[in-house]
Amino acid sequence: MNLTEVNQTDQCLRFSCPERSVSAVYVFLYVCAAAAVLLTVCGNLLIIISVCHFKQLHTPTNMLILSLAVSDFLVGILVMPTALTWMIESCWMFSSVYCLCYIYSSYFLTATSIFAVALIAVDRYFALSNPFLYTKTVSVNTWCIIVLCNWVVLLFYHLALQYFNGYYANLVLCPGDCFLVLDEVWSLTELLLKFVFPFAVIIILYVLVFVIARKHATAIRELHIHTRTQTSKNITESMKSERKAAKVLGILVSVFLACLLPYFIYTVLGNAVQIEMGSFQKVLMLVYLNSTINPVIYALFYPWFRRCVRLTLTLQIFNTDSSLMNVL
């Protein structure tokens, strides 16, 4: 597409969007949108600060939670404001270049979230099934390297997706829309890479985690019946801690699946039936709102997160040696 065609497309965008009068409902929608963006950005920023600042939280699992929080934070900054404006206005009001940036950010950050959750499932399964081997072989640096590789690979994959799929050729902009039409090969690749493979890993591993947690519960009862020694008490506390972590992360994964499943169902149906753009936008927004829900889950189920938030908001993290404070 040459510069003249781009300018014509931009004119099409400007003139295709209907005028909207300011009303109470209109203002209310923008207030709700601003609140959602603010909650997403601030909530995930608090998770990032907590995990990075407090040394007690420098654990392998928390490195994966940090990766998920970073991708959710970027969704709140780069994707949600644009997506919410597009949905409220019922029309794409920005340029074609910005549309490309928006699509790339949306695809890339959604993928990093999906794979972060899949890696969390792998981590929890390994920690519960082989706790001694997990302690010896898995470290913070191990997961940091894996997470970094995950981000880099997905970064280049989505560059290839946009380039080889045809950039502007498959970019639908007028009237007032902004979405990328994938060819059959890339559609199948996306479906397998972002849905079939990670979701299969997540579901299978969490079923196994549930089975292991049930076995641990039985073992704990037997320990209480047969012995009351300090060793058995320590083992019991450790097993309870692992089960609780698995339970909370299971809730996180369940909410994640609930938010993303409708999107992928719509994506599959989109190849067979015609779907209204308004309906698809709402389903897509559900994917983005998962980034808002995650910090709420941490606040409800993780006492350490609530303590970290309190220390951060009261500015105690600026005290000397605050990173060594006990937050667990």
Protein backbone atom coordinates (compact mmCIF):
# COMPACT_ATOMS: atom_id res chain seq x y z
CA MET A 1 0.00 0.00 0.00
CA ASN A 2 1.53 3.37 -1.04
CA LEU A 3 1.32 6.68 0.80
CA THR A 4 -1.64 7.89 -1.27
CA GLU A 5 -3.63 4.76 -0.42
CA VAL A 6 -2.77 5.13 3.25
CA ASN A 7 -3.99 8.75 3.20
CA GLN A 8 -7.18 7.65 1.46
CA THR A 9 -7.67 4.96 4.11
CA ASP A 10 -7.18 7.54 6.87
CA GLN A 11 -9.76 9.81 5.23
CA CYS A 12 -12.11 6.84 5.06
CA LEU A 13 -11.59 6.30 8.79
CA ARG A 14 -12.35 9.93 9.61
CA PHE A 15 -15.47 10.20 7.49
CA SER A 16 -16.91 6.76 8.28
CA CYS A 17 -17.29 7.39 11.99
CA PRO A 18 -20.65 8.85 12.96
CA GLU A 19 -20.94 11.88 15.20
CA ARG A 20 -21.91 10.99 18.75
CA SER A 21 -23.59 13.45 21.08
CA VAL A 22 -22.38 13.69 24.65
CA SER A 23 -24.82 12.09 27.07
CA ALA A 24 -24.80 10.80 30.65
CA VAL A 25 -24.50 7.20 29.45
CA TYR A 26 -21.64 8.16 27.13
CA VAL A 27 -19.73 9.86 29.97
CA PHE A 28 -20.47 6.93 32.29
CA LEU A 29 -19.00 4.48 29.77
CA TYR A 30 -15.77 6.48 29.58
CA VAL A 31 -15.58 6.71 33.38
CA CYS A 32 -15.95 2.92 33.64
CA ALA A 33 -13.31 2.48 30.92
CA ALA A 34 -10.90 4.78 32.76
CA ALA A 35 -11.53 2.89 36.02
CA ALA A 36 -10.82 -0.47 34.34
CA VAL A 37 -7.58 0.83 32.82
CA LEU A 38 -6.50 2.41 36.12
CA LEU A 39 -7.22 -0.79 38.07
CA THR A 40 -5.32 -2.88 35.52
CA VAL A 41 -2.27 -0.63 35.45
CA CYS A 42 -2.07 0.07 39.21
CA GLY A 43 -2.91 -3.49 40.30
CA ASN A 44 -0.28 -5.10 38.10
CA LEU A 45 2.24 -2.38 38.91
CA LEU A 46 1.85 -3.23 42.62
CA ILE A 47 2.53 -6.91 41.84
CA ILE A 48 5.65 -5.95 39.85
CA ILE A 49 6.93 -3.70 42.65
CA SER A 50 6.22 -6.33 45.32
CA VAL A 51 7.99 -9.20 43.57
CA CYS A 52 10.94 -7.08 42.46
CA HIS A 53 11.48 -5.25 45.77
CA PHE A 54 11.01 -7.85 48.52
CA LYS A 55 13.73 -10.51 48.54
CA GLN A 56 11.44 -13.04 50.24
CA LEU A 57 9.37 -13.06 47.07
CA HIS A 58 12.30 -13.89 44.81
CA THR A 59 11.13 -17.46 44.20
CA PRO A 60 10.92 -19.42 40.92
CA THR A 61 7.10 -19.39 40.86
CA ASN A 62 6.97 -15.66 41.53
CA MET A 63 9.17 -15.02 38.48
CA LEU A 64 6.35 -16.48 36.39
CA ILE A 65 3.79 -14.37 38.25
CA LEU A 66 6.03 -11.36 37.55
CA SER A 67 6.07 -12.19 33.83
CA LEU A 68 2.27 -12.44 33.81
CA ALA A 69 1.96 -9.14 35.70
CA VAL A 70 4.28 -7.37 33.24
CA SER A 71 2.25 -8.54 30.24
CA ASP A 72 -1.01 -7.56 32.02
CA PHE A 73 0.49 -4.16 32.91
CA LEU A 74 1.42 -3.55 29.26
CA VAL A 75 -2.08 -4.62 28.18
CA GLY A 76 -3.46 -1.95 30.52
CA ILE A 77 -1.21 0.74 29.02
CA LEU A 78 -0.98 -0.17 25.33
CA VAL A 79 -4.14 -2.10 24.46
CA MET A 80 -7.09 -1.47 26.77
CA PRO A 81 -7.44 2.33 26.33
CA THR A 82 -7.59 1.95 22.54
CA ALA A 83 -9.86 -1.12 22.65
CA LEU A 84 -12.31 0.52 25.06
CA THR A 85 -12.43 3.72 23.00
CA TRP A 86 -13.08 1.67 19.85
CA MET A 87 -15.88 -0.26 21.56
CA ILE A 88 -17.56 2.81 23.06
CA GLU A 89 -17.37 4.80 19.82
CA SER A 90 -18.34 1.74 17.70
CA CYS A 91 -15.77 2.99 15.23
CA TRP A 92 -11.98 2.95 14.77
CA MET A 93 -10.93 6.60 15.15
CA PHE A 94 -7.16 6.29 14.81
CA SER A 95 -4.67 6.04 11.94
CA SER A 96 -3.73 2.94 9.95
CA VAL A 97 -0.19 2.92 11.40
CA TYR A 98 -1.61 3.03 14.92
CA CYS A 99 -3.92 0.16 13.95
CA LEU A 100 -0.89 -1.96 13.07
CA CYS A 101 0.77 -1.12 16.39
CA TYR A 102 -2.43 -1.90 18.28
CA ILE A 103 -2.88 -5.28 16.56
CA TYR A 104 0.75 -6.25 17.14
CA SER A 105 0.60 -5.28 20.84
CA SER A 106 -2.68 -7.13 21.32
CA TYR A 107 -1.52 -10.36 19.67
CA PHE A 108 1.91 -10.32 21.33
CA LEU A 109 0.82 -9.50 24.89
CA THR A 110 -2.09 -11.96 24.79
CA ALA A 111 0.34 -14.69 23.74
CA THR A 112 2.80 -13.86 26.53
CA SER A 113 -0.05 -14.09 29.06
CA ILE A 114 -1.17 -17.47 27.71
CA PHE A 115 2.31 -18.95 27.84
CA ALA A 116 3.00 -17.45 31.28
CA VAL A 117 -0.06 -19.26 32.65
CA ALA A 118 1.04 -22.47 30.89
CA LEU A 119 4.50 -22.16 32.49
CA ILE A 120 2.87 -21.62 35.90
CA ALA A 121 0.99 -24.90 35.41
CA VAL A 122 4.27 -26.67 34.53
CA ASP A 123 5.96 -25.15 37.58
CA ARG A 124 3.19 -26.21 40.00
CA TYR A 125 3.05 -29.73 38.62
CA PHE A 126 6.82 -30.17 38.87
CA ALA A 127 6.90 -28.68 42.40
CA LEU A 128 4.16 -31.01 43.65
CA SER A 129 5.17 -34.18 41.82
CA ASN A 130 8.94 -33.98 42.45
CA PRO A 131 9.48 -31.53 45.33
CA PHE A 132 13.06 -32.60 46.13
CA LEU A 133 14.17 -32.58 42.48
CA TYR A 134 12.36 -29.26 41.99
CA THR A 135 14.27 -27.67 44.88
CA LYS A 136 17.61 -28.88 43.52
CA THR A 137 17.17 -28.11 39.83
CA VAL A 138 14.80 -25.14 39.57
CA SER A 139 16.06 -21.71 40.59
CA VAL A 140 15.05 -18.10 40.07
CA ASN A 141 17.67 -17.75 37.31
CA THR A 142 16.30 -20.84 35.55
CA TRP A 143 12.81 -19.41 35.23
CA CYS A 144 14.15 -15.92 34.37
CA ILE A 145 16.04 -17.38 31.41
CA ILE A 146 12.99 -19.40 30.29
CA VAL A 147 10.69 -16.37 30.60
CA LEU A 148 13.13 -14.17 28.66
CA CYS A 149 13.37 -16.77 25.89
CA ASN A 150 9.57 -17.00 25.83
CA TRP A 151 9.21 -13.23 25.33
CA VAL A 152 11.91 -13.07 22.64
CA VAL A 153 10.53 -16.04 20.66
CA LEU A 154 6.98 -14.62 20.76
CA LEU A 155 8.28 -11.18 19.78
CA PHE A 156 9.87 -12.52 16.59
CA TYR A 157 6.97 -14.89 15.90
CA HIS A 158 4.48 -12.02 15.83
CA LEU A 159 6.79 -9.93 13.64
CA ALA A 160 6.82 -12.86 11.21
CA LEU A 161 3.03 -13.20 11.53
CA GLN A 162 2.44 -9.57 10.53
CA TYR A 163 5.09 -9.57 7.79
CA PHE A 164 4.33 -12.83 6.00
CA ASN A 165 0.56 -12.45 6.39
CA GLY A 166 0.70 -9.35 4.22
CA TYR A 167 0.72 -6.27 6.51
CA TYR A 168 -1.74 -3.82 4.92
CA ALA A 169 -3.05 -6.36 2.40
CA ASN A 170 -5.07 -8.17 5.08
CA LEU A 171 -5.70 -5.14 7.31
CA VAL A 172 -9.38 -4.16 7.41
CA LEU A 173 -9.72 -0.48 8.27
CA CYS A 174 -12.81 0.92 6.62
CA PRO A 175 -15.49 1.62 7.57
CA GLY A 176 -14.28 2.23 11.08
CA ASP A 177 -12.74 -1.17 11.83
CA CYS A 178 -9.25 -2.37 12.72
CA PHE A 179 -8.52 -6.07 12.59
CA LEU A 180 -6.13 -8.39 10.82
CA VAL A 181 -7.51 -11.06 8.50
CA LEU A 182 -5.28 -14.13 8.71
CA ASP A 183 -4.91 -16.56 5.84
CA GLU A 184 -5.68 -20.26 6.36
CA VAL A 185 -2.09 -21.25 7.24
CA TRP A 186 -1.62 -18.52 9.83
CA SER A 187 -5.13 -19.08 11.24
CA LEU A 188 -4.32 -22.75 11.84
CA THR A 189 -0.92 -21.86 13.30
CA GLU A 190 -2.48 -19.34 15.68
CA LEU A 191 -5.16 -21.81 16.76
CA LEU A 192 -2.63 -24.57 17.49
CA LEU A 193 0.03 -22.36 19.06
CA LYS A 194 -2.15 -20.13 21.24
CA PHE A 195 -5.10 -22.36 22.01
CA VAL A 196 -4.76 -26.11 21.47
CA PHE A 197 -1.20 -26.58 22.77
CA PRO A 198 -1.11 -24.23 25.82
CA PHE A 199 -4.67 -24.99 26.92
CA ALA A 200 -4.04 -28.75 26.66
CA VAL A 201 -0.91 -28.33 28.81
CA ILE A 202 -2.78 -26.19 31.36
CA ILE A 203 -5.81 -28.48 31.70
CA ILE A 204 -3.86 -31.77 31.79
CA LEU A 205 -1.29 -30.53 34.30
CA TYR A 206 -3.89 -29.01 36.61
CA VAL A 207 -5.90 -32.23 36.60
CA LEU A 208 -2.69 -34.00 37.66
CA VAL A 209 -2.03 -31.30 40.26
CA PHE A 210 -5.52 -31.88 41.68
CA VAL A 211 -4.85 -35.63 41.90
CA ILE A 212 -1.52 -35.02 43.65
CA ALA A 213 -3.12 -32.54 46.05
CA ARG A 214 -5.71 -35.18 47.01
CA LYS A 215 -2.90 -37.65 47.72
CA HIS A 216 -1.15 -35.03 49.83
CA ALA A 217 -4.34 -34.44 51.81
CA THR A 218 -4.54 -38.18 52.55
CA ALA A 219 -0.86 -38.26 53.56
CA ILE A 220 -1.38 -35.31 55.90
CA ARG A 221 -4.25 -37.06 57.67
CA GLU A 222 -2.14 -40.18 58.10
CA LEU A 223 0.73 -38.16 59.54
CA HIS A 224 -1.59 -36.59 62.09
CA ILE A 225 -2.95 -40.01 63.07
CA HIS A 226 0.35 -41.88 63.43
CA THR A 227 2.80 -39.28 64.72
CA ARG A 228 3.04 -35.85 66.28
CA THR A 229 6.79 -35.24 65.90
CA GLN A 230 8.31 -31.91 64.82
CA THR A 231 9.44 -33.45 61.51
CA SER A 232 5.94 -34.57 60.60
CA LYS A 233 4.65 -31.12 61.57
CA ASN A 234 7.15 -29.44 59.21
CA ILE A 235 6.27 -31.83 56.39
CA THR A 236 2.57 -31.19 56.99
CA GLU A 237 3.03 -27.41 56.85
CA SER A 238 5.10 -27.69 53.66
CA MET A 239 2.51 -29.89 51.96
CA LYS A 240 -0.33 -27.59 53.04
CA SER A 241 1.58 -24.60 51.65
CA GLU A 242 2.09 -26.31 48.28
CA ARG A 243 -1.58 -27.35 48.13
CA LYS A 244 -2.72 -23.81 48.92
CA ALA A 245 -0.44 -22.40 46.22
CA ALA A 246 -1.79 -24.92 43.73
CA LYS A 247 -5.38 -24.05 44.73
CA VAL A 248 -4.90 -20.29 44.29
CA LEU A 249 -3.09 -20.70 40.98
CA GLY A 250 -5.84 -23.12 39.95
CA ILE A 251 -8.38 -20.33 40.50
CA LEU A 252 -6.16 -17.99 38.48
CA VAL A 253 -6.01 -20.49 35.62
CA SER A 254 -9.78 -21.18 35.75
CA VAL A 255 -10.58 -17.47 35.43
CA PHE A 256 -8.02 -17.21 32.65
CA LEU A 257 -9.63 -20.08 30.72
CA ALA A 258 -13.11 -18.59 31.23
CA CYS A 259 -11.94 -15.25 29.78
CA LEU A 260 -10.10 -16.67 26.77
CA LEU A 261 -12.33 -19.58 25.73
CA PRO A 262 -15.11 -17.38 24.23
CA TYR A 263 -12.52 -15.55 22.12
CA PHE A 264 -11.10 -18.72 20.61
CA ILE A 265 -14.60 -20.15 20.06
CA TYR A 266 -15.50 -16.98 18.16
CA THR A 267 -12.23 -17.24 16.22
CA VAL A 268 -13.03 -20.79 15.13
CA LEU A 269 -16.66 -19.92 14.28
CA GLY A 270 -15.51 -16.85 12.35
CA ASN A 271 -14.16 -19.09 9.61
CA ALA A 272 -17.58 -20.73 9.14
CA VAL A 273 -20.19 -18.07 9.95
CA GLN A 274 -20.32 -14.29 9.80
CA ILE A 275 -19.99 -12.68 13.20
CA GLU A 276 -20.93 -9.08 14.01
CA MET A 277 -17.98 -6.86 14.86
CA GLY A 278 -19.74 -5.56 17.98
CA SER A 279 -20.07 -9.07 19.41
CA PHE A 280 -16.47 -9.90 18.59
CA GLN A 281 -15.28 -6.69 20.30
CA LYS A 282 -17.08 -7.66 23.51
CA VAL A 283 -15.49 -11.12 23.49
CA LEU A 284 -12.08 -9.59 22.81
CA MET A 285 -12.59 -7.15 25.68
CA LEU A 286 -13.17 -10.11 28.00
CA VAL A 287 -9.65 -11.28 27.13
CA TYR A 288 -8.23 -7.88 28.08
CA LEU A 289 -10.26 -7.67 31.29
CA ASN A 290 -8.51 -10.83 32.48
CA SER A 291 -5.51 -8.54 33.02
CA THR A 292 -7.70 -6.50 35.38
CA ILE A 293 -9.01 -9.54 37.28
CA ASN A 294 -5.62 -11.14 38.03
CA PRO A 295 -4.48 -8.55 40.65
CA VAL A 296 -7.89 -8.87 42.34
CA ILE A 297 -7.32 -12.63 42.67
CA TYR A 298 -3.91 -12.00 44.26
CA ALA A 299 -5.43 -9.48 46.67
CA LEU A 300 -8.17 -11.93 47.71
CA PHE A 301 -6.05 -15.06 48.15
CA TYR A 302 -2.44 -13.97 48.78
CA PRO A 303 -1.81 -12.41 52.23
CA TRP A 304 1.73 -11.50 51.13
CA PHE A 305 0.34 -9.35 48.33
CA ARG A 306 -1.91 -7.43 50.73
CA ARG A 307 1.05 -6.82 53.07
CA CYS A 308 3.21 -5.65 50.16
CA VAL A 309 0.48 -3.28 48.97
CA ARG A 310 0.18 -1.80 52.45
CA LEU A 311 3.96 -1.32 52.72
CA THR A 312 4.10 0.21 49.24
CA LEU A 313 1.18 2.61 49.68
CA THR A 314 2.51 3.79 53.07
CA LEU A 315 5.92 4.37 51.41
CA GLN A 316 7.68 2.03 53.84
CA ILE A 317 9.50 0.41 50.90
CA PHE A 318 11.75 3.51 50.86
CA ASN A 319 13.05 2.71 54.35
CA THR A 320 16.54 1.28 54.76
CA ASP A 321 16.65 -2.50 54.29
CA SER A 322 12.92 -2.56 53.51
CA SER A 323 13.59 -5.24 50.89
CA LEU A 324 14.52 -7.62 53.72
CA MET A 325 11.21 -7.16 55.57
CA ASN A 326 9.14 -10.26 56.34
CA VAL A 327 6.05 -10.27 54.10
CA LEU A 328 5.18 -13.96 54.16
